[in-house]
């Protein structure tokens, strides 16, 4: 079994829930999300639309996640 440093263990603990599971929220960061949003709105999806969508999903689902993956299109 591989040993980890106390610092890494602390970071892992911060990312984990009470059961020691990392339940990360990750929102699609590739072109498929842009295509789905464009199809749903019947118009091209711009950066503002994508950021607004990700913010709405994040605000609803973050309470149920122990970590969140963000990307350059995110506002935070």
N, C-alpha and C. Protein backbone atom coordinates (compact mmCIF):
# COMPACT_ATOMS: atom_id res chain seq x y z
N UNK A 1 0.84 -1.17 0.00
CA UNK A 1 0.00 0.00 0.00
C UNK A 1 0.89 1.25 0.00
N UNK A 2 0.53 2.21 -0.77
CA UNK A 2 1.31 3.45 -0.86
C UNK A 2 0.97 4.38 0.30
N UNK A 3 2.00 4.97 0.87
CA UNK A 3 1.80 5.91 1.97
C UNK A 3 1.75 7.32 1.42
N UNK A 4 0.94 8.17 2.05
CA UNK A 4 0.85 9.57 1.64
C UNK A 4 1.26 10.45 2.82
N UNK A 5 1.66 11.64 2.49
CA UNK A 5 2.11 12.58 3.53
C UNK A 5 0.91 13.09 4.32
N UNK A 6 1.15 13.58 5.52
CA UNK A 6 0.06 14.16 6.31
C UNK A 6 -0.62 15.33 5.57
N UNK A 7 0.15 16.08 4.81
CA UNK A 7 -0.43 17.21 4.06
C UNK A 7 -1.40 16.72 2.99
N UNK A 8 -1.01 15.69 2.25
CA UNK A 8 -1.89 15.12 1.23
C UNK A 8 -3.12 14.50 1.90
N UNK A 9 -2.93 13.84 3.01
CA UNK A 9 -4.05 13.24 3.74
C UNK A 9 -5.05 14.30 4.17
N UNK A 10 -4.56 15.45 4.60
CA UNK A 10 -5.44 16.55 5.01
C UNK A 10 -6.23 17.06 3.81
N UNK A 11 -5.58 17.23 2.66
CA UNK A 11 -6.28 17.68 1.45
C UNK A 11 -7.36 16.67 1.05
N UNK A 12 -7.02 15.39 1.10
CA UNK A 12 -7.99 14.35 0.76
C UNK A 12 -9.17 14.36 1.73
N UNK A 13 -8.88 14.59 2.99
CA UNK A 13 -9.93 14.67 4.00
C UNK A 13 -10.86 15.85 3.71
N UNK A 14 -10.27 16.97 3.29
CA UNK A 14 -11.08 18.15 2.97
C UNK A 14 -12.00 17.92 1.77
N UNK A 15 -11.59 17.06 0.85
CA UNK A 15 -12.38 16.78 -0.35
C UNK A 15 -13.40 15.66 -0.14
N UNK A 16 -13.33 15.00 0.98
CA UNK A 16 -14.16 13.82 1.21
C UNK A 16 -15.36 14.14 2.10
N UNK A 17 -16.39 13.31 1.97
CA UNK A 17 -17.54 13.45 2.85
C UNK A 17 -17.29 12.68 4.14
N UNK A 18 -18.31 12.56 4.98
CA UNK A 18 -18.14 11.90 6.28
C UNK A 18 -17.73 10.44 6.16
N UNK A 19 -18.09 9.80 5.03
CA UNK A 19 -17.76 8.39 4.82
C UNK A 19 -16.41 8.21 4.14
N UNK A 20 -15.68 9.33 3.91
CA UNK A 20 -14.38 9.25 3.27
C UNK A 20 -14.46 9.14 1.76
N UNK A 21 -15.61 9.45 1.19
CA UNK A 21 -15.83 9.36 -0.25
C UNK A 21 -15.76 10.75 -0.88
N UNK A 22 -15.04 10.87 -2.00
CA UNK A 22 -15.02 12.12 -2.74
C UNK A 22 -16.19 12.09 -3.70
N UNK A 23 -17.19 12.91 -3.44
CA UNK A 23 -18.38 12.97 -4.30
C UNK A 23 -18.36 14.29 -5.04
N UNK A 24 -17.49 14.35 -6.03
CA UNK A 24 -17.24 15.60 -6.74
C UNK A 24 -18.31 15.89 -7.79
N UNK A 25 -18.64 17.16 -7.92
CA UNK A 25 -19.54 17.65 -8.96
C UNK A 25 -18.67 18.15 -10.10
N UNK A 26 -18.89 17.61 -11.29
CA UNK A 26 -18.16 18.05 -12.48
C UNK A 26 -19.18 18.29 -13.58
N UNK A 27 -19.17 19.47 -14.15
CA UNK A 27 -20.08 19.82 -15.23
C UNK A 27 -19.30 19.78 -16.52
N UNK A 28 -19.89 19.16 -17.53
CA UNK A 28 -19.24 18.98 -18.83
C UNK A 28 -18.53 20.25 -19.27
N UNK A 29 -17.28 20.13 -19.65
CA UNK A 29 -16.52 21.31 -20.07
C UNK A 29 -16.11 21.23 -21.53
N UNK A 30 -16.69 20.29 -22.27
CA UNK A 30 -16.37 20.16 -23.69
C UNK A 30 -17.48 20.74 -24.53
N UNK A 31 -17.41 20.55 -25.82
CA UNK A 31 -18.38 21.11 -26.75
C UNK A 31 -19.78 20.53 -26.62
N UNK A 32 -19.91 19.35 -26.02
CA UNK A 32 -21.24 18.73 -25.94
C UNK A 32 -22.21 19.57 -25.11
N UNK A 33 -21.75 20.19 -24.04
CA UNK A 33 -22.63 21.05 -23.24
C UNK A 33 -23.08 22.24 -24.08
N UNK A 34 -22.16 22.83 -24.79
CA UNK A 34 -22.50 23.98 -25.65
C UNK A 34 -23.53 23.57 -26.69
N UNK A 35 -23.37 22.41 -27.28
CA UNK A 35 -24.33 21.93 -28.29
C UNK A 35 -25.69 21.67 -27.66
N UNK A 36 -25.71 21.05 -26.48
CA UNK A 36 -26.99 20.76 -25.83
C UNK A 36 -27.73 22.05 -25.47
N UNK A 37 -27.01 23.03 -24.95
CA UNK A 37 -27.65 24.30 -24.60
C UNK A 37 -28.17 25.01 -25.84
N UNK A 38 -27.40 24.97 -26.91
CA UNK A 38 -27.83 25.60 -28.16
C UNK A 38 -29.08 24.92 -28.71
N UNK A 39 -29.10 23.60 -28.66
CA UNK A 39 -30.26 22.86 -29.16
C UNK A 39 -31.50 23.16 -28.31
N UNK A 40 -31.34 23.22 -27.00
CA UNK A 40 -32.47 23.48 -26.11
C UNK A 40 -33.04 24.88 -26.32
N UNK A 41 -32.17 25.85 -26.60
CA UNK A 41 -32.61 27.24 -26.79
C UNK A 41 -32.91 27.57 -28.25
N UNK A 42 -32.57 26.64 -29.13
CA UNK A 42 -32.74 26.85 -30.57
C UNK A 42 -31.98 28.09 -31.07
N UNK A 43 -30.81 28.30 -30.46
CA UNK A 43 -29.92 29.38 -30.88
C UNK A 43 -28.53 29.04 -30.35
N UNK A 44 -27.49 29.64 -30.93
CA UNK A 44 -26.12 29.35 -30.45
C UNK A 44 -25.95 29.70 -28.97
N UNK A 45 -25.19 28.88 -28.27
CA UNK A 45 -24.90 29.12 -26.85
C UNK A 45 -23.61 29.91 -26.75
N UNK A 46 -23.68 31.07 -26.12
CA UNK A 46 -22.48 31.88 -25.93
C UNK A 46 -21.90 31.63 -24.54
N UNK A 47 -20.78 32.25 -24.25
CA UNK A 47 -20.10 32.03 -22.96
C UNK A 47 -20.99 32.40 -21.78
N UNK A 48 -21.77 33.48 -21.90
CA UNK A 48 -22.65 33.90 -20.81
C UNK A 48 -23.68 32.82 -20.50
N UNK A 49 -24.25 32.22 -21.54
CA UNK A 49 -25.23 31.16 -21.35
C UNK A 49 -24.61 29.97 -20.63
N UNK A 50 -23.41 29.60 -21.04
CA UNK A 50 -22.73 28.46 -20.43
C UNK A 50 -22.40 28.75 -18.96
N UNK A 51 -21.88 29.93 -18.68
CA UNK A 51 -21.54 30.30 -17.30
C UNK A 51 -22.79 30.34 -16.44
N UNK A 52 -23.87 30.94 -16.95
CA UNK A 52 -25.12 31.01 -16.19
C UNK A 52 -25.64 29.61 -15.87
N UNK A 53 -25.58 28.71 -16.86
CA UNK A 53 -26.03 27.34 -16.65
C UNK A 53 -25.19 26.67 -15.56
N UNK A 54 -23.87 26.79 -15.66
CA UNK A 54 -22.98 26.15 -14.69
C UNK A 54 -23.18 26.72 -13.29
N UNK A 55 -23.42 28.02 -13.20
CA UNK A 55 -23.66 28.63 -11.88
C UNK A 55 -24.97 28.11 -11.28
N UNK A 56 -26.01 27.97 -12.10
CA UNK A 56 -27.30 27.48 -11.61
C UNK A 56 -27.17 26.03 -11.14
N UNK A 57 -26.53 25.19 -11.94
CA UNK A 57 -26.35 23.78 -11.57
C UNK A 57 -25.49 23.68 -10.31
N UNK A 58 -24.42 24.44 -10.27
CA UNK A 58 -23.52 24.40 -9.10
C UNK A 58 -24.23 24.83 -7.83
N UNK A 59 -25.02 25.89 -7.90
CA UNK A 59 -25.68 26.37 -6.68
C UNK A 59 -26.70 25.35 -6.16
N UNK A 60 -27.31 24.58 -7.07
CA UNK A 60 -28.28 23.56 -6.65
C UNK A 60 -27.62 22.30 -6.14
N UNK A 61 -26.52 21.88 -6.77
CA UNK A 61 -25.93 20.58 -6.45
C UNK A 61 -24.75 20.61 -5.48
N UNK A 62 -24.12 21.76 -5.31
CA UNK A 62 -22.96 21.84 -4.42
C UNK A 62 -23.25 21.35 -3.00
N UNK A 63 -24.43 21.62 -2.44
CA UNK A 63 -24.68 21.10 -1.08
C UNK A 63 -24.60 19.57 -0.97
N UNK A 64 -24.72 18.87 -2.09
CA UNK A 64 -24.69 17.42 -2.08
C UNK A 64 -23.33 16.84 -2.49
N UNK A 65 -22.37 17.70 -2.77
CA UNK A 65 -21.05 17.27 -3.23
C UNK A 65 -20.00 17.63 -2.20
N UNK A 66 -18.93 16.84 -2.17
CA UNK A 66 -17.83 17.16 -1.25
C UNK A 66 -16.74 17.98 -1.95
N UNK A 67 -16.84 18.10 -3.28
CA UNK A 67 -15.88 18.88 -4.06
C UNK A 67 -16.55 19.28 -5.37
N UNK A 68 -15.98 20.29 -6.04
CA UNK A 68 -16.51 20.72 -7.33
C UNK A 68 -15.35 20.98 -8.28
N UNK A 69 -15.50 20.50 -9.51
CA UNK A 69 -14.50 20.72 -10.54
C UNK A 69 -14.94 21.93 -11.37
N UNK A 70 -14.06 22.90 -11.47
CA UNK A 70 -14.37 24.08 -12.27
C UNK A 70 -13.42 24.13 -13.45
N UNK A 71 -13.75 24.94 -14.43
CA UNK A 71 -12.92 25.08 -15.62
C UNK A 71 -12.87 26.55 -16.01
N UNK A 72 -12.12 26.91 -17.05
CA UNK A 72 -11.97 28.33 -17.42
C UNK A 72 -13.25 29.06 -17.73
N UNK A 73 -14.32 28.38 -18.16
CA UNK A 73 -15.56 29.08 -18.43
C UNK A 73 -16.32 29.42 -17.17
N UNK A 74 -15.92 28.87 -16.04
CA UNK A 74 -16.58 29.18 -14.77
C UNK A 74 -16.19 30.57 -14.31
N UNK A 75 -17.08 31.21 -13.60
CA UNK A 75 -16.80 32.57 -13.16
C UNK A 75 -15.96 32.60 -11.89
N UNK A 76 -15.81 31.47 -11.21
CA UNK A 76 -15.02 31.44 -9.96
C UNK A 76 -13.76 30.65 -10.14
